[in-house]
Amino acid sequence: EMVGSLHKINTVDWWILVARPRHAAYRQLWTSLGIMAVTLAATTLAAFGVAMILTRRMSQRFESLAEHAQLVTRGGEAADWPHSTIVEFNALADSLQQMSESLHERARLLEDEIAERQHAQEELHEKALLLEQEIGERVLAEQNLQVKQAQLEALNLTLEARVQEELAKNREKDALMIQQGRLAAMGEMLSNIAHQWRQPLNELGIMIQTLRLEYDDKLLDGRRIDEFTDDCMRTILHMSKTIDTFRDFFKKDRSLQQFDPSVCIVATVELLKASLQAAGISLRLDLQPECLLQGQPNDFSQVILNILNNARDILLARAVATPVITVTSQQAQGVLVIVVEDNGGGIAADIVDKVFDPYFTTKHKAQGTGLGLYISKKIIEGNFNGTITVEHCPGGTRFRIAVPVRIAETVHGESD
């Protein structure tokens, strides 16, 4: 019950016990430990609160950018892009605003071009009717048969030239539609970047909190500072790589190149990885490397992006319990076959033949333009001399792309 010590007095050969009750002896020690525990808890909560506030502010900035980007994707004009005191954030906001203005300007030009094409088609139709009427008059007017026949031949020559001109205009229209599809995909990619950056930003916030705690605990030294710097730089480089991949995907390079389609597929998947993970969709890749194709890598990436976006949207719309997208590639007899398969329940039989038609979509107008698969078909057939088909598979839909590789192999052999 007592805590104390014995002391001997030699002169009288006595032992003196100096003691006090146990609870009184340890009261000051427990009081000190309680004060230290409360102080440590309060400091930790304060640091965590500050870190959460800073992280929330950064997240709000990027959510604001994502909202403006989605507004642009839906066809609206997003003015007054958010700015802050962060230079890099302001630079990104300015770039996105310039891109938005360019997108609306190109959309306006495309609308004007479509109106001109429609007007030209109406004029051509009217002239065709006049031509039929003129032919009927020639049959009735036998006395002017030779003169009318010469006029008919001249009109036929003119008609052929006009047909060639319209064909050239249609090719230009297809090119504009492909560009429109790429711009629409750009808006979706901005949302993907927001998803892609959330995790690195959270990691930076956690590392900053950890650094403060280690500083308070006197655990910081040169080695720990170097480790912290390396971790932060790796996270920042990962975010920078995301921007570089996004920029390369939309780079305007129309020169023919030899490229490995498996590399293009992996790069495209990286752009969609964050949105797929956020949706809980598993992606399985089984790609055969070192199969060279001849063409524009960005066009090929756009085809893969359109198909993956469609698969993701159908899996989300139908709330599949275990959503999975599988991408495989295999070369056989000079043909590279790429298969993209999902388990979203498949396409209805009455619309399966329409999925590649222009402006055909099962989505709301605000969510889809109906150009993605049409553009993909034009790219595969026109630029790669291949085929793209869609069919039912057990529990889902299967897109099959077949592209001949003999052209790429021939060019490669000549260069060697």
Protein backbone atom coordinates (compact mmCIF):
# COMPACT_ATOMS: atom_id res chain seq x y z
CA GLU A 1 0.00 0.00 0.00
CA MET A 2 3.02 2.30 0.46
CA VAL A 3 5.92 3.31 -1.79
CA GLY A 4 9.17 4.50 -0.19
CA SER A 5 12.80 3.69 0.82
CA LEU A 6 14.87 2.73 3.90
CA HIS A 7 17.71 4.90 5.31
CA LYS A 8 20.17 3.72 7.97
CA ILE A 9 21.52 6.03 10.74
CA ASN A 10 24.82 4.45 11.84
CA THR A 11 25.33 6.48 15.00
CA VAL A 12 22.30 5.04 16.68
CA ASP A 13 21.96 1.93 14.47
CA TRP A 14 18.42 2.89 13.44
CA TRP A 15 16.51 2.26 10.17
CA ILE A 16 14.11 5.01 9.02
CA LEU A 17 11.34 4.27 6.47
CA VAL A 18 10.36 7.25 4.30
CA ALA A 19 7.14 6.32 2.38
CA ARG A 20 3.83 7.63 1.04
CA PRO A 21 0.61 5.95 -0.18
CA ARG A 22 0.92 4.31 -3.63
CA HIS A 23 -1.97 6.26 -5.22
CA ALA A 24 -0.45 9.57 -4.12
CA ALA A 25 3.02 8.60 -5.36
CA TYR A 26 1.85 7.85 -8.95
CA ARG A 27 -0.81 10.55 -9.26
CA GLN A 28 1.52 13.14 -10.86
CA LEU A 29 2.92 10.55 -13.34
CA TRP A 30 -0.56 9.54 -14.56
CA THR A 31 -1.62 13.18 -14.81
CA SER A 32 1.41 13.98 -17.00
CA LEU A 33 0.75 10.97 -19.26
CA GLY A 34 -2.92 11.99 -19.68
CA ILE A 35 -1.97 15.54 -20.67
CA MET A 36 0.52 14.22 -23.23
CA ALA A 37 -2.06 11.81 -24.71
CA VAL A 38 -4.71 14.54 -25.06
CA THR A 39 -2.19 16.93 -26.65
CA LEU A 40 -1.02 14.29 -29.13
CA ALA A 41 -4.62 13.42 -30.12
CA ALA A 42 -5.58 17.07 -30.60
CA THR A 43 -2.49 17.71 -32.77
CA THR A 44 -3.20 14.65 -34.91
CA LEU A 45 -6.85 15.64 -35.46
CA ALA A 46 -5.86 19.20 -36.37
CA ALA A 47 -3.28 18.00 -38.92
CA PHE A 48 -5.76 15.54 -40.42
CA GLY A 49 -8.41 18.26 -40.69
CA VAL A 50 -6.06 20.67 -42.48
CA ALA A 51 -4.98 17.94 -44.89
CA MET A 52 -8.60 17.00 -45.65
CA ILE A 53 -9.50 20.64 -46.29
CA LEU A 54 -6.58 21.06 -48.74
CA THR A 55 -7.39 17.78 -50.48
CA ARG A 56 -11.05 18.75 -50.74
CA ARG A 57 -10.15 22.09 -52.30
CA MET A 58 -7.99 20.40 -54.94
CA SER A 59 -10.73 17.86 -55.63
CA GLN A 60 -13.31 20.64 -56.01
CA ARG A 61 -11.10 22.39 -58.55
CA PHE A 62 -10.82 19.28 -60.71
CA GLU A 63 -14.51 18.48 -60.29
CA SER A 64 -15.26 21.97 -61.57
CA LEU A 65 -13.05 21.35 -64.59
CA ALA A 66 -14.76 18.01 -65.18
CA GLU A 67 -18.21 19.67 -65.05
CA HIS A 68 -17.14 22.23 -67.66
CA ALA A 69 -15.68 19.44 -69.81
CA GLN A 70 -18.94 17.45 -69.61
CA LEU A 71 -20.85 20.59 -70.59
CA VAL A 72 -18.64 20.89 -73.68
CA THR A 73 -19.22 17.19 -74.45
CA ARG A 74 -22.99 17.75 -74.38
CA GLY A 75 -22.61 20.56 -76.92
CA GLY A 76 -22.86 23.54 -74.58
CA GLU A 77 -20.48 26.47 -74.28
CA ALA A 78 -18.52 26.52 -71.02
CA ALA A 79 -17.39 30.06 -70.17
CA ASP A 80 -15.49 31.33 -67.12
CA TRP A 81 -13.35 28.24 -66.55
CA PRO A 82 -12.28 28.04 -62.90
CA HIS A 83 -8.92 29.54 -61.90
CA SER A 84 -6.94 29.55 -58.71
CA THR A 85 -3.59 30.64 -57.31
CA ILE A 86 -1.92 27.46 -58.60
CA VAL A 87 0.00 28.20 -61.82
CA GLU A 88 -0.25 24.66 -63.22
CA PHE A 89 -3.98 24.54 -62.55
CA ASN A 90 -4.47 27.88 -64.32
CA ALA A 91 -2.43 26.65 -67.29
CA LEU A 92 -4.60 23.52 -67.53
CA ALA A 93 -7.79 25.60 -67.26
CA ASP A 94 -6.59 27.98 -70.01
CA SER A 95 -5.72 25.05 -72.28
CA LEU A 96 -9.13 23.45 -71.70
CA GLN A 97 -10.87 26.75 -72.41
CA GLN A 98 -8.96 27.17 -75.68
CA MET A 99 -9.81 23.60 -76.62
CA SER A 100 -13.50 24.24 -75.82
CA GLU A 101 -13.58 27.35 -77.99
CA SER A 102 -11.91 25.48 -80.84
CA LEU A 103 -14.42 22.63 -80.45
CA HIS A 104 -17.42 24.96 -80.76
CA GLU A 105 -15.87 26.77 -83.71
CA ARG A 106 -15.30 23.49 -85.55
CA ALA A 107 -18.82 22.32 -84.73
CA ARG A 108 -20.19 25.55 -86.22
CA LEU A 109 -18.13 25.09 -89.37
CA LEU A 110 -19.34 21.51 -89.65
CA GLU A 111 -22.98 22.61 -89.39
CA ASP A 112 -22.42 25.19 -92.13
CA GLU A 113 -20.75 22.57 -94.30
CA ILE A 114 -23.63 20.11 -93.79
CA ALA A 115 -26.15 22.81 -94.72
CA GLU A 116 -24.20 23.55 -97.90
CA ARG A 117 -24.08 19.84 -98.75
CA GLN A 118 -27.82 19.50 -98.26
CA HIS A 119 -28.45 22.53 -100.44
CA ALA A 120 -26.19 21.08 -103.14
CA GLN A 121 -28.02 17.75 -102.97
CA GLU A 122 -31.36 19.48 -103.37
CA GLU A 123 -30.06 21.37 -106.41
CA LEU A 124 -28.70 18.13 -107.86
CA HIS A 125 -32.07 16.45 -107.34
CA GLU A 126 -33.88 19.31 -109.06
CA LYS A 127 -31.48 19.19 -111.97
CA ALA A 128 -31.95 15.43 -112.24
CA LEU A 129 -35.72 15.99 -112.51
CA LEU A 130 -35.15 18.56 -115.22
CA LEU A 131 -32.94 16.08 -117.02
CA GLU A 132 -35.66 13.41 -116.99
CA GLN A 133 -38.18 15.91 -118.31
CA GLU A 134 -35.81 16.90 -121.07
CA ILE A 135 -35.28 13.26 -122.07
CA GLY A 136 -39.06 12.83 -122.35
CA GLU A 137 -39.29 15.87 -124.59
CA ARG A 138 -36.56 14.45 -126.84
CA VAL A 139 -38.53 11.25 -127.32
CA LEU A 140 -41.60 13.22 -128.38
CA ALA A 141 -39.64 15.63 -130.61
CA GLU A 142 -38.29 13.28 -133.30
CA GLN A 143 -37.51 16.14 -135.68
CA ASN A 144 -34.90 17.51 -133.19
CA LEU A 145 -33.51 14.11 -132.24
CA GLN A 146 -29.94 14.72 -133.35
CA VAL A 147 -29.69 18.12 -131.69
CA LYS A 148 -31.24 16.88 -128.48
CA GLN A 149 -28.98 13.81 -128.48
CA ALA A 150 -25.91 16.04 -128.62
CA GLN A 151 -27.28 18.08 -125.73
CA LEU A 152 -27.98 14.90 -123.78
CA GLU A 153 -24.40 13.70 -124.23
CA ALA A 154 -23.10 17.05 -123.04
CA LEU A 155 -25.37 16.89 -120.00
CA ASN A 156 -24.22 13.34 -119.28
CA LEU A 157 -20.60 14.49 -119.27
CA THR A 158 -21.54 17.33 -116.92
CA LEU A 159 -23.46 14.92 -114.72
CA GLU A 160 -20.46 12.62 -114.44
CA ALA A 161 -18.26 15.52 -113.42
CA ARG A 162 -20.83 16.54 -110.83
CA VAL A 163 -21.01 13.00 -109.49
CA GLN A 164 -17.23 12.97 -109.11
CA GLU A 165 -17.43 16.34 -107.38
CA GLU A 166 -20.10 15.07 -104.97
CA LEU A 167 -18.03 11.99 -104.24
CA ALA A 168 -15.09 14.23 -103.33
CA LYS A 169 -17.37 16.32 -101.11
CA ASN A 170 -18.67 13.19 -99.42
CA ARG A 171 -15.11 12.12 -98.67
CA GLU A 172 -14.50 15.54 -97.10
CA LYS A 173 -17.70 15.13 -95.10
CA ASP A 174 -16.52 11.75 -93.82
CA ALA A 175 -13.24 13.34 -92.75
CA LEU A 176 -15.14 16.06 -90.87
CA MET A 177 -17.34 13.46 -89.18
CA ILE A 178 -14.23 11.54 -88.08
CA GLN A 179 -12.79 14.76 -86.66
CA GLN A 180 -16.08 15.45 -84.87
CA GLY A 181 -15.92 11.99 -83.33
CA ARG A 182 -12.38 12.64 -82.10
CA LEU A 183 -13.46 15.94 -80.54
CA ALA A 184 -16.38 14.23 -78.79
CA ALA A 185 -13.98 11.58 -77.50
CA MET A 186 -11.73 14.38 -76.24
CA GLY A 187 -14.50 15.59 -73.93
CA GLU A 188 -14.90 12.10 -72.45
CA MET A 189 -11.15 11.84 -71.99
CA LEU A 190 -11.16 14.97 -69.84
CA SER A 191 -13.50 13.20 -67.44
CA ASN A 192 -11.16 10.18 -67.51
CA ILE A 193 -8.21 12.42 -66.58
CA ALA A 194 -10.14 13.67 -63.55
CA HIS A 195 -10.61 10.04 -62.45
CA GLN A 196 -6.96 9.27 -63.26
CA TRP A 197 -5.70 12.09 -61.03
CA ARG A 198 -7.83 11.42 -57.96
CA GLN A 199 -5.68 8.58 -56.63
CA PRO A 200 -2.32 10.42 -57.08
CA LEU A 201 -3.77 13.47 -55.34
CA ASN A 202 -4.92 11.32 -52.43
CA GLU A 203 -1.44 9.76 -52.24
CA LEU A 204 0.19 13.21 -52.13
CA GLY A 205 -2.19 14.26 -49.34
CA ILE A 206 -1.35 11.16 -47.29
CA MET A 207 2.40 11.65 -47.78
CA ILE A 208 2.15 15.29 -46.65
CA GLN A 209 0.26 14.22 -43.52
CA THR A 210 2.84 11.51 -42.80
CA LEU A 211 5.69 14.00 -43.20
CA ARG A 212 4.13 16.31 -40.62
CA LEU A 213 3.62 13.48 -38.13
CA GLU A 214 7.22 12.29 -38.55
CA TYR A 215 8.43 15.86 -38.07
CA ASP A 216 6.49 16.12 -34.82
CA ASP A 217 7.95 12.78 -33.67
CA LYS A 218 11.53 13.91 -34.49
CA LEU A 219 11.88 11.07 -37.03
CA LEU A 220 12.93 13.15 -40.04
CA ASP A 221 16.46 12.95 -41.38
CA GLY A 222 18.13 13.38 -44.76
CA ARG A 223 17.35 9.84 -45.88
CA ARG A 224 13.66 10.17 -45.03
CA ILE A 225 13.45 13.53 -46.82
CA ASP A 226 14.99 11.92 -49.93
CA GLU A 227 12.47 9.06 -49.78
CA PHE A 228 9.61 11.52 -49.41
CA THR A 229 10.92 13.57 -52.37
CA ASP A 230 11.28 10.46 -54.56
CA ASP A 231 7.75 9.30 -53.72
CA CYS A 232 6.28 12.70 -54.53
CA MET A 233 8.19 12.95 -57.82
CA ARG A 234 7.05 9.49 -58.88
CA THR A 235 3.43 10.47 -58.26
CA ILE A 236 3.84 13.77 -60.13
CA LEU A 237 5.56 12.05 -63.07
CA HIS A 238 2.65 9.59 -63.24
CA MET A 239 0.23 12.52 -63.48
CA SER A 240 2.42 14.15 -66.14
CA LYS A 241 2.50 10.89 -68.09
CA THR A 242 -1.30 10.88 -68.11
CA ILE A 243 -1.31 14.31 -69.77
CA ASP A 244 1.35 13.20 -72.30
CA THR A 245 -0.70 10.12 -73.23
CA PHE A 246 -3.81 12.27 -73.64
CA ARG A 247 -1.87 14.73 -75.84
CA ASP A 248 -0.34 11.98 -78.01
CA PHE A 249 -3.75 10.38 -78.53
CA PHE A 250 -5.12 13.55 -80.16
CA LYS A 251 -1.92 14.58 -81.96
CA LYS A 252 -2.55 15.59 -85.58
CA ASP A 253 -0.20 13.29 -87.50
CA ARG A 254 -1.59 11.98 -90.80
CA SER A 255 1.63 10.33 -92.03
CA LEU A 256 1.55 6.58 -92.63
CA GLN A 257 3.50 4.62 -90.05
CA GLN A 258 4.26 1.07 -89.12
CA PHE A 259 3.03 0.43 -85.59
CA ASP A 260 2.29 -2.38 -83.18
CA PRO A 261 -1.50 -2.47 -82.55
CA SER A 262 -0.98 -4.11 -79.15
CA VAL A 263 0.92 -0.99 -78.02
CA CYS A 264 -1.93 1.23 -79.24
CA ILE A 265 -4.48 -0.92 -77.39
CA VAL A 266 -2.50 -0.75 -74.12
CA ALA A 267 -2.11 3.05 -74.44
CA THR A 268 -5.85 3.45 -75.08
CA VAL A 269 -6.68 1.25 -72.09
CA GLU A 270 -4.47 3.46 -69.90
CA LEU A 271 -6.65 6.45 -70.82
CA LEU A 272 -9.77 4.54 -69.76
CA LYS A 273 -8.32 2.63 -66.79
CA ALA A 274 -9.50 5.10 -64.13
CA SER A 275 -13.08 5.35 -65.44
CA LEU A 276 -13.30 1.55 -65.79
CA GLN A 277 -12.02 1.06 -62.24
CA ALA A 278 -14.45 3.67 -60.92
CA ALA A 279 -17.28 1.76 -62.61
CA GLY A 280 -16.07 -1.56 -61.17
CA ILE A 281 -15.41 -3.02 -64.65
CA SER A 282 -12.69 -5.66 -65.03
CA LEU A 283 -10.58 -5.48 -68.19
CA ARG A 284 -8.75 -8.55 -69.50
CA LEU A 285 -6.09 -8.27 -72.20
CA ASP A 286 -4.64 -11.15 -74.23
CA LEU A 287 -2.63 -9.49 -77.00
CA GLN A 288 -0.17 -10.91 -79.51
CA PRO A 289 2.75 -8.47 -79.75
CA GLU A 290 4.97 -7.57 -82.73
CA CYS A 291 2.21 -7.62 -85.37
CA LEU A 292 2.88 -4.58 -87.54
CA LEU A 293 0.17 -2.58 -89.31
CA GLN A 294 0.49 0.27 -91.80
CA GLY A 295 -1.51 3.45 -91.18
CA GLN A 296 -2.15 6.12 -88.54
CA PRO A 297 -1.87 4.80 -84.95
CA ASN A 298 -4.24 7.50 -83.67
CA ASP A 299 -7.00 6.33 -86.06
CA PHE A 300 -6.60 2.76 -84.83
CA SER A 301 -6.66 3.95 -81.18
CA GLN A 302 -9.87 5.88 -81.88
CA VAL A 303 -11.57 2.68 -83.10
CA ILE A 304 -10.57 0.79 -79.93
CA LEU A 305 -11.65 3.76 -77.77
CA ASN A 306 -15.11 3.91 -79.41
CA ILE A 307 -15.73 0.18 -78.89
CA LEU A 308 -14.52 0.21 -75.26
CA ASN A 309 -16.64 3.28 -74.47
CA ASN A 310 -19.74 1.56 -75.89
CA ALA A 311 -19.02 -1.58 -73.85
CA ARG A 312 -18.52 0.47 -70.68
CA ASP A 313 -21.74 2.45 -71.21
CA ILE A 314 -23.87 -0.66 -71.79
CA LEU A 315 -22.43 -2.38 -68.71
CA LEU A 316 -23.22 0.68 -66.58
CA ALA A 317 -26.68 1.18 -68.09
CA ARG A 318 -27.68 -2.43 -67.43
CA ALA A 319 -26.01 -2.57 -63.98
CA VAL A 320 -24.28 -5.90 -64.66
CA ALA A 321 -23.32 -7.61 -61.40
CA THR A 322 -19.80 -8.62 -62.48
CA PRO A 323 -18.96 -6.49 -65.54
CA VAL A 324 -16.05 -7.71 -67.66
CA ILE A 325 -14.52 -6.52 -70.95
CA THR A 326 -12.09 -8.82 -72.77
CA VAL A 327 -9.73 -7.73 -75.57
CA THR A 328 -7.78 -10.35 -77.53
CA SER A 329 -5.64 -10.23 -80.68
CA GLN A 330 -4.21 -12.99 -82.83
CA GLN A 331 -2.52 -13.13 -86.21
CA ALA A 332 -3.26 -15.97 -88.64
CA GLN A 333 -2.66 -16.28 -92.39
CA GLY A 334 -1.64 -12.66 -92.85
CA VAL A 335 -4.67 -11.25 -90.99
CA LEU A 336 -4.71 -9.71 -87.51
CA VAL A 337 -8.00 -10.42 -85.72
CA ILE A 338 -8.90 -8.25 -82.71
CA VAL A 339 -11.93 -9.24 -80.61
CA VAL A 340 -13.58 -6.98 -77.99
CA GLU A 341 -16.17 -8.83 -75.92
CA ASP A 342 -18.40 -7.82 -72.99
CA ASN A 343 -20.99 -9.51 -70.80
CA GLY A 344 -23.61 -6.74 -71.03
CA GLY A 345 -26.44 -8.93 -72.34
CA GLY A 346 -25.97 -8.39 -76.10
CA ILE A 347 -27.70 -6.26 -78.74
CA ALA A 348 -31.34 -6.63 -79.70
CA ALA A 349 -31.85 -8.59 -82.94
CA ASP A 350 -33.90 -5.81 -84.56
CA ILE A 351 -31.08 -3.24 -84.29
CA VAL A 352 -27.93 -5.33 -84.64
CA ASP A 353 -27.77 -4.51 -88.37
CA LYS A 354 -28.03 -0.75 -87.68
CA VAL A 355 -25.22 -0.24 -85.15
CA PHE A 356 -22.80 0.96 -87.86
CA ASP A 357 -25.28 3.39 -89.46
CA PRO A 358 -24.48 7.12 -89.05
CA TYR A 359 -26.36 8.94 -86.28
CA PHE A 360 -27.91 5.69 -85.01
CA THR A 361 -27.73 5.41 -81.23
CA THR A 362 -29.71 3.82 -78.42
CA LYS A 363 -28.51 6.47 -75.94
CA HIS A 364 -30.06 9.80 -75.11
CA LYS A 365 -29.02 12.61 -77.46
CA ALA A 366 -27.10 14.26 -74.64
CA GLN A 367 -25.02 11.09 -74.15
CA GLY A 368 -24.26 9.96 -77.70
CA THR A 369 -24.04 11.24 -81.28
CA GLY A 370 -24.36 7.91 -83.08
CA LEU A 371 -21.09 8.51 -84.95
CA GLY A 372 -18.63 6.38 -82.94
CA LEU A 373 -19.19 2.99 -84.58
CA TYR A 374 -19.88 4.55 -87.99
CA ILE A 375 -16.53 6.33 -87.84
CA SER A 376 -14.85 3.14 -86.63
CA LYS A 377 -16.19 1.24 -89.64
CA LYS A 378 -15.01 3.97 -92.04
CA ILE A 379 -11.52 3.94 -90.49
CA ILE A 380 -11.11 0.15 -90.56
CA GLU A 381 -12.47 -0.26 -94.09
CA GLY A 382 -11.04 2.91 -95.65
CA ASN A 383 -7.70 3.35 -93.89
CA PHE A 384 -6.74 -0.24 -93.04
CA ASN A 385 -8.55 -2.20 -95.81
CA GLY A 386 -10.13 -4.40 -93.13
CA THR A 387 -13.55 -5.36 -91.80
CA ILE A 388 -15.42 -4.80 -88.53
CA THR A 389 -18.47 -6.84 -87.50
CA VAL A 390 -20.67 -7.28 -84.43
CA GLU A 391 -22.36 -10.44 -83.21
CA HIS A 392 -23.93 -12.02 -80.17
CA CYS A 393 -21.84 -14.04 -77.77
CA PRO A 394 -22.92 -15.92 -74.62
CA GLY A 395 -24.25 -13.22 -72.32
CA GLY A 396 -22.95 -10.24 -74.27
CA THR A 397 -21.67 -8.64 -77.47
CA ARG A 398 -18.57 -9.36 -79.54
CA PHE A 399 -16.92 -6.89 -81.94
CA ARG A 400 -14.50 -8.50 -84.41
CA ILE A 401 -11.89 -6.47 -86.33
CA ALA A 402 -9.94 -8.18 -89.11
CA VAL A 403 -7.04 -6.23 -90.67
CA PRO A 404 -4.60 -7.62 -93.24
CA VAL A 405 -0.95 -7.26 -92.19
CA ARG A 406 0.67 -8.26 -95.48
CA ILE A 407 1.01 -4.56 -96.53
CA ALA A 408 2.92 -3.69 -93.36
CA GLU A 409 5.10 -6.79 -93.66
CA THR A 410 5.95 -5.99 -97.32
CA VAL A 411 6.96 -2.42 -96.54
CA HIS A 412 8.95 -3.64 -93.58
CA GLY A 413 10.81 -6.15 -95.73
CA GLU A 414 11.66 -3.52 -98.34
CA SER A 415 13.00 -1.14 -95.71
CA ASP A 416 15.22 -3.91 -94.38
